[in-house]
Amino acid sequence: MDKFSQILEFKLNDVVLNELNSTFDLFINNLNLSDTAKLCTKNGNQSLNLVNLIDSSILQEISQNVNEYIKNYYGENLIFYQYFIDYIHFISYEVDGYQEGHTHHANEDHSFIIYLNDSNAETKIYNKNSFTSIKSEKGKMVIFDASLYHEANKCEGVRNVVVGAVKFAHKVWRDRR
């Protein structure tokens, strides 16, 4: 399996979910935090970058999963790294809301999605010859390479997600010569 096929799923605890839902409620109740462009979001609302509203303890909890993903993705080839969570936005899909296909490779190294509620909609993440289908389950966090094309099909009810960007500030590779 090549590294681009590595999509890891994690389960977040209730404290993290409650904090993210509180921030999500702030977005939903404050139109000034909403992004009118919505990019690929159809039949839904998308926030601007709200990473500065996320409590540092929550970011630390998310970072633990990112660290595990990075170690799995790069293996022993990467001996030192520094990254930051650059961007977090919230999306609330209405009935029949969906996400058009896209990548994030121009803006970040890795991407993550956190599902804030259960939904019938699925996220599809494509690699060279196939795709992985991810069920929208409350508390699930999915991390993947930002260059992978992904989309979400229409939901039958409200679907709430957090989307985040991981950027490297520094990487040191093991010399294999």
C-alpha atoms as a PDB file:
ATOM      1  CA  MET A   1       0.000   0.000   0.000  1.00  0.00           C
ATOM      2  CA  ASP A   2       1.435   3.388  -0.950  1.00  0.00           C
ATOM      3  CA  LYS A   3       1.428   6.265   1.494  1.00  0.00           C
ATOM      4  CA  PHE A   4      -1.261   8.119  -0.433  1.00  0.00           C
ATOM      5  CA  SER A   5      -3.658   5.314   0.440  1.00  0.00           C
ATOM      6  CA  GLN A   6      -3.071   5.813   4.162  1.00  0.00           C
ATOM      7  CA  ILE A   7      -6.219   7.280   5.592  1.00  0.00           C
ATOM      8  CA  LEU A   8      -6.432   6.947   9.353  1.00  0.00           C
ATOM      9  CA  GLU A   9      -9.540   7.164  11.513  1.00  0.00           C
ATOM     10  CA  PHE A  10      -9.586   8.143  15.190  1.00  0.00           C
ATOM     11  CA  LYS A  11     -12.324   8.462  17.803  1.00  0.00           C
ATOM     12  CA  LEU A  12     -12.410  11.735  19.761  1.00  0.00           C
ATOM     13  CA  ASN A  13     -13.535  11.880  23.382  1.00  0.00           C
ATOM     14  CA  ASP A  14     -16.710  13.621  24.589  1.00  0.00           C
ATOM     15  CA  VAL A  15     -14.838  16.603  26.085  1.00  0.00           C
ATOM     16  CA  VAL A  16     -13.295  17.428  22.695  1.00  0.00           C
ATOM     17  CA  LEU A  17     -16.635  16.943  20.932  1.00  0.00           C
ATOM     18  CA  ASN A  18     -18.478  19.168  23.403  1.00  0.00           C
ATOM     19  CA  GLU A  19     -15.913  21.953  22.981  1.00  0.00           C
ATOM     20  CA  LEU A  20     -16.036  21.693  19.185  1.00  0.00           C
ATOM     21  CA  ASN A  21     -19.836  21.728  19.269  1.00  0.00           C
ATOM     22  CA  SER A  22     -19.761  24.878  21.444  1.00  0.00           C
ATOM     23  CA  THR A  23     -17.536  26.605  18.887  1.00  0.00           C
ATOM     24  CA  PHE A  24     -19.783  25.267  16.124  1.00  0.00           C
ATOM     25  CA  ASP A  25     -22.818  26.837  17.845  1.00  0.00           C
ATOM     26  CA  LEU A  26     -20.984  30.179  17.883  1.00  0.00           C
ATOM     27  CA  PHE A  27     -20.498  29.887  14.107  1.00  0.00           C
ATOM     28  CA  ILE A  28     -24.123  28.906  13.445  1.00  0.00           C
ATOM     29  CA  ASN A  29     -25.493  31.743  15.590  1.00  0.00           C
ATOM     30  CA  ASN A  30     -23.195  34.461  14.217  1.00  0.00           C
ATOM     31  CA  LEU A  31     -23.494  35.224  10.510  1.00  0.00           C
ATOM     32  CA  ASN A  32     -20.364  37.396  10.679  1.00  0.00           C
ATOM     33  CA  LEU A  33     -18.327  34.187  10.982  1.00  0.00           C
ATOM     34  CA  SER A  34     -19.815  32.696   7.827  1.00  0.00           C
ATOM     35  CA  ASP A  35     -18.021  32.493   4.494  1.00  0.00           C
ATOM     36  CA  THR A  36     -20.397  33.548   1.748  1.00  0.00           C
ATOM     37  CA  ALA A  37     -18.222  32.027  -1.002  1.00  0.00           C
ATOM     38  CA  LYS A  38     -18.719  28.487   0.365  1.00  0.00           C
ATOM     39  CA  LEU A  39     -16.318  27.121  -2.253  1.00  0.00           C
ATOM     40  CA  CYS A  40     -17.323  23.477  -2.755  1.00  0.00           C
ATOM     41  CA  THR A  41     -20.037  23.402  -0.068  1.00  0.00           C
ATOM     42  CA  LYS A  42     -23.504  23.038  -1.587  1.00  0.00           C
ATOM     43  CA  ASN A  43     -26.734  23.495   0.411  1.00  0.00           C
ATOM     44  CA  GLY A  44     -24.847  24.400   3.545  1.00  0.00           C
ATOM     45  CA  ASN A  45     -22.934  27.046   5.433  1.00  0.00           C
ATOM     46  CA  GLN A  46     -19.179  27.183   5.856  1.00  0.00           C
ATOM     47  CA  SER A  47     -17.319  29.264   8.423  1.00  0.00           C
ATOM     48  CA  LEU A  48     -14.213  31.310   7.966  1.00  0.00           C
ATOM     49  CA  ASN A  49     -11.051  30.126   9.723  1.00  0.00           C
ATOM     50  CA  LEU A  50     -11.939  29.688  13.402  1.00  0.00           C
ATOM     51  CA  VAL A  51      -8.727  28.030  14.603  1.00  0.00           C
ATOM     52  CA  ASN A  52      -8.136  30.912  17.047  1.00  0.00           C
ATOM     53  CA  LEU A  53     -11.446  30.146  18.773  1.00  0.00           C
ATOM     54  CA  ILE A  54     -10.450  26.546  19.513  1.00  0.00           C
ATOM     55  CA  ASP A  55      -9.152  25.983  23.043  1.00  0.00           C
ATOM     56  CA  SER A  56      -5.469  24.977  23.126  1.00  0.00           C
ATOM     57  CA  SER A  57      -6.275  21.777  25.046  1.00  0.00           C
ATOM     58  CA  ILE A  58      -8.588  20.720  22.221  1.00  0.00           C
ATOM     59  CA  LEU A  59      -5.912  21.487  19.621  1.00  0.00           C
ATOM     60  CA  GLN A  60      -3.484  19.424  21.689  1.00  0.00           C
ATOM     61  CA  GLU A  61      -5.910  16.488  21.680  1.00  0.00           C
ATOM     62  CA  ILE A  62      -6.340  16.761  17.905  1.00  0.00           C
ATOM     63  CA  SER A  63      -2.554  17.033  17.527  1.00  0.00           C
ATOM     64  CA  GLN A  64      -2.053  13.680  19.264  1.00  0.00           C
ATOM     65  CA  ASN A  65      -3.979  12.047  16.419  1.00  0.00           C
ATOM     66  CA  VAL A  66      -2.084  14.088  13.828  1.00  0.00           C
ATOM     67  CA  ASN A  67       1.218  12.924  15.366  1.00  0.00           C
ATOM     68  CA  GLU A  68       0.165   9.290  15.162  1.00  0.00           C
ATOM     69  CA  TYR A  69      -0.905   9.769  11.562  1.00  0.00           C
ATOM     70  CA  ILE A  70       2.397  11.474  10.607  1.00  0.00           C
ATOM     71  CA  LYS A  71       4.449   8.688  12.195  1.00  0.00           C
ATOM     72  CA  ASN A  72       2.409   6.086  10.316  1.00  0.00           C
ATOM     73  CA  TYR A  73       2.495   8.026   7.034  1.00  0.00           C
ATOM     74  CA  TYR A  74       6.231   8.791   6.923  1.00  0.00           C
ATOM     75  CA  GLY A  75       7.565   5.931   9.047  1.00  0.00           C
ATOM     76  CA  GLU A  76      11.202   6.074  10.067  1.00  0.00           C
ATOM     77  CA  ASN A  77      12.112   8.219   7.046  1.00  0.00           C
ATOM     78  CA  LEU A  78      11.097  11.311   8.968  1.00  0.00           C
ATOM     79  CA  ILE A  79      13.233  11.766  12.086  1.00  0.00           C
ATOM     80  CA  PHE A  80      12.152  15.267  13.130  1.00  0.00           C
ATOM     81  CA  TYR A  81       9.155  17.394  12.227  1.00  0.00           C
ATOM     82  CA  GLN A  82       7.271  20.483  13.294  1.00  0.00           C
ATOM     83  CA  TYR A  83       3.816  21.298  12.017  1.00  0.00           C
ATOM     84  CA  PHE A  84       0.945  23.551  12.896  1.00  0.00           C
ATOM     85  CA  ILE A  85      -2.796  23.355  12.476  1.00  0.00           C
ATOM     86  CA  ASP A  86      -3.218  26.303  10.185  1.00  0.00           C
ATOM     87  CA  TYR A  87      -6.894  26.347   9.453  1.00  0.00           C
ATOM     88  CA  ILE A  88     -10.089  24.997  10.977  1.00  0.00           C
ATOM     89  CA  HIS A  89     -13.508  25.708   9.586  1.00  0.00           C
ATOM     90  CA  PHE A  90     -16.958  24.380  10.319  1.00  0.00           C
ATOM     91  CA  ILE A  91     -19.515  23.247   7.771  1.00  0.00           C
ATOM     92  CA  SER A  92     -23.217  22.699   8.401  1.00  0.00           C
ATOM     93  CA  TYR A  93     -25.036  20.939   5.583  1.00  0.00           C
ATOM     94  CA  GLU A  94     -28.779  21.271   5.173  1.00  0.00           C
ATOM     95  CA  VAL A  95     -30.965  18.508   3.749  1.00  0.00           C
ATOM     96  CA  ASP A  96     -29.468  17.473   0.390  1.00  0.00           C
ATOM     97  CA  GLY A  97     -26.240  19.297   1.248  1.00  0.00           C
ATOM     98  CA  TYR A  98     -22.999  17.915  -0.133  1.00  0.00           C
ATOM     99  CA  GLN A  99     -19.352  18.688  -0.858  1.00  0.00           C
ATOM    100  CA  GLU A 100     -18.137  18.872  -4.447  1.00  0.00           C
ATOM    101  CA  GLY A 101     -14.903  17.036  -5.202  1.00  0.00           C
ATOM    102  CA  HIS A 102     -11.639  18.877  -4.597  1.00  0.00           C
ATOM    103  CA  THR A 103      -8.132  18.668  -3.113  1.00  0.00           C
ATOM    104  CA  HIS A 104      -6.243  20.875  -0.665  1.00  0.00           C
ATOM    105  CA  HIS A 105      -2.721  20.254  -1.988  1.00  0.00           C
ATOM    106  CA  ALA A 106      -2.083  23.917  -2.860  1.00  0.00           C
ATOM    107  CA  ASN A 107      -2.646  25.069   0.726  1.00  0.00           C
ATOM    108  CA  GLU A 108      -1.677  22.298   3.144  1.00  0.00           C
ATOM    109  CA  ASP A 109       0.210  19.045   3.605  1.00  0.00           C
ATOM    110  CA  HIS A 110      -2.490  16.951   5.288  1.00  0.00           C
ATOM    111  CA  SER A 111      -6.203  17.423   5.915  1.00  0.00           C
ATOM    112  CA  PHE A 112      -8.593  16.221   8.558  1.00  0.00           C
ATOM    113  CA  ILE A 113     -12.347  15.967   8.991  1.00  0.00           C
ATOM    114  CA  ILE A 114     -14.153  15.618  12.305  1.00  0.00           C
ATOM    115  CA  TYR A 115     -17.802  14.539  12.224  1.00  0.00           C
ATOM    116  CA  LEU A 116     -19.894  16.318  14.867  1.00  0.00           C
ATOM    117  CA  ASN A 117     -23.027  14.244  14.327  1.00  0.00           C
ATOM    118  CA  ASP A 118     -24.151  11.014  12.707  1.00  0.00           C
ATOM    119  CA  SER A 119     -25.353  11.289   9.121  1.00  0.00           C
ATOM    120  CA  ASN A 120     -26.194   9.014   6.216  1.00  0.00           C
ATOM    121  CA  ALA A 121     -23.743  10.977   4.007  1.00  0.00           C
ATOM    122  CA  GLU A 122     -20.344   9.503   3.266  1.00  0.00           C
ATOM    123  CA  THR A 123     -17.028  11.109   2.432  1.00  0.00           C
ATOM    124  CA  LYS A 124     -15.201   9.501  -0.463  1.00  0.00           C
ATOM    125  CA  ILE A 125     -11.426   9.873  -0.625  1.00  0.00           C
ATOM    126  CA  TYR A 126      -9.876   8.794  -3.917  1.00  0.00           C
ATOM    127  CA  ASN A 127      -6.407   7.450  -4.638  1.00  0.00           C
ATOM    128  CA  LYS A 128      -4.920   6.142  -7.879  1.00  0.00           C
ATOM    129  CA  ASN A 129      -7.211   3.210  -8.609  1.00  0.00           C
ATOM    130  CA  SER A 130      -9.936   3.229  -5.989  1.00  0.00           C
ATOM    131  CA  PHE A 131     -11.577   5.171  -3.194  1.00  0.00           C
ATOM    132  CA  THR A 132     -12.210   4.850   0.511  1.00  0.00           C
ATOM    133  CA  SER A 133     -15.705   5.555   1.755  1.00  0.00           C
ATOM    134  CA  ILE A 134     -15.954   7.065   5.253  1.00  0.00           C
ATOM    135  CA  LYS A 135     -19.210   6.956   7.222  1.00  0.00           C
ATOM    136  CA  SER A 136     -20.200  10.171   8.995  1.00  0.00           C
ATOM    137  CA  GLU A 137     -20.172   9.062  12.630  1.00  0.00           C
ATOM    138  CA  LYS A 138     -20.216  11.440  15.580  1.00  0.00           C
ATOM    139  CA  GLY A 139     -16.739  11.812  17.068  1.00  0.00           C
ATOM    140  CA  LYS A 140     -14.821  10.259  14.175  1.00  0.00           C
ATOM    141  CA  MET A 141     -11.705  12.071  12.960  1.00  0.00           C
ATOM    142  CA  VAL A 142     -10.228  11.183   9.569  1.00  0.00           C
ATOM    143  CA  ILE A 143      -6.753  12.333   8.450  1.00  0.00           C
ATOM    144  CA  PHE A 144      -5.393  12.050   4.900  1.00  0.00           C
ATOM    145  CA  ASP A 145      -2.895  13.490   2.444  1.00  0.00           C
ATOM    146  CA  ALA A 146      -4.125  16.897   1.234  1.00  0.00           C
ATOM    147  CA  SER A 147      -3.440  15.983  -2.395  1.00  0.00           C
ATOM    148  CA  LEU A 148      -6.137  13.290  -2.379  1.00  0.00           C
ATOM    149  CA  TYR A 149      -9.326  14.175  -4.227  1.00  0.00           C
ATOM    150  CA  HIS A 150     -12.342  13.926  -1.917  1.00  0.00           C
ATOM    151  CA  GLU A 151     -16.057  14.687  -1.856  1.00  0.00           C
ATOM    152  CA  ALA A 152     -19.182  14.002   0.190  1.00  0.00           C
ATOM    153  CA  ASN A 153     -22.501  12.787  -1.121  1.00  0.00           C
ATOM    154  CA  LYS A 154     -25.894  14.342  -0.298  1.00  0.00           C
ATOM    155  CA  CYS A 155     -27.159  14.026   3.237  1.00  0.00           C
ATOM    156  CA  GLU A 156     -30.775  13.312   4.169  1.00  0.00           C
ATOM    157  CA  GLY A 157     -30.623  15.497   7.282  1.00  0.00           C
ATOM    158  CA  VAL A 158     -28.365  18.067   8.892  1.00  0.00           C
ATOM    159  CA  ARG A 159     -24.674  17.137   8.794  1.00  0.00           C
ATOM    160  CA  ASN A 160     -22.065  19.055  10.809  1.00  0.00           C
ATOM    161  CA  VAL A 161     -18.314  18.710  10.317  1.00  0.00           C
ATOM    162  CA  VAL A 162     -15.032  20.350  11.255  1.00  0.00           C
ATOM    163  CA  VAL A 163     -12.370  20.524   8.540  1.00  0.00           C
ATOM    164  CA  GLY A 164      -8.733  21.245   9.337  1.00  0.00           C
ATOM    165  CA  ALA A 165      -5.398  21.879   7.642  1.00  0.00           C
ATOM    166  CA  VAL A 166      -1.993  20.613   8.771  1.00  0.00           C
ATOM    167  CA  LYS A 167       1.096  22.403   7.430  1.00  0.00           C
ATOM    168  CA  PHE A 168       4.695  21.497   8.041  1.00  0.00           C
ATOM    169  CA  ALA A 169       7.020  24.187   9.338  1.00  0.00           C
ATOM    170  CA  HIS A 170      10.047  21.899   9.342  1.00  0.00           C
ATOM    171  CA  LYS A 171      10.949  18.313   8.367  1.00  0.00           C
ATOM    172  CA  VAL A 172      14.229  16.427   8.722  1.00  0.00           C
ATOM    173  CA  TRP A 173      14.618  13.242   6.698  1.00  0.00           C
ATOM    174  CA  ARG A 174      16.783  10.245   7.515  1.00  0.00           C
ATOM    175  CA  ASP A 175      19.754  10.034   5.139  1.00  0.00           C
ATOM    176  CA  ARG A 176      19.497   6.620   3.462  1.00  0.00           C
ATOM    177  CA  ARG A 177      22.738   6.852   1.451  1.00  0.00           C
END
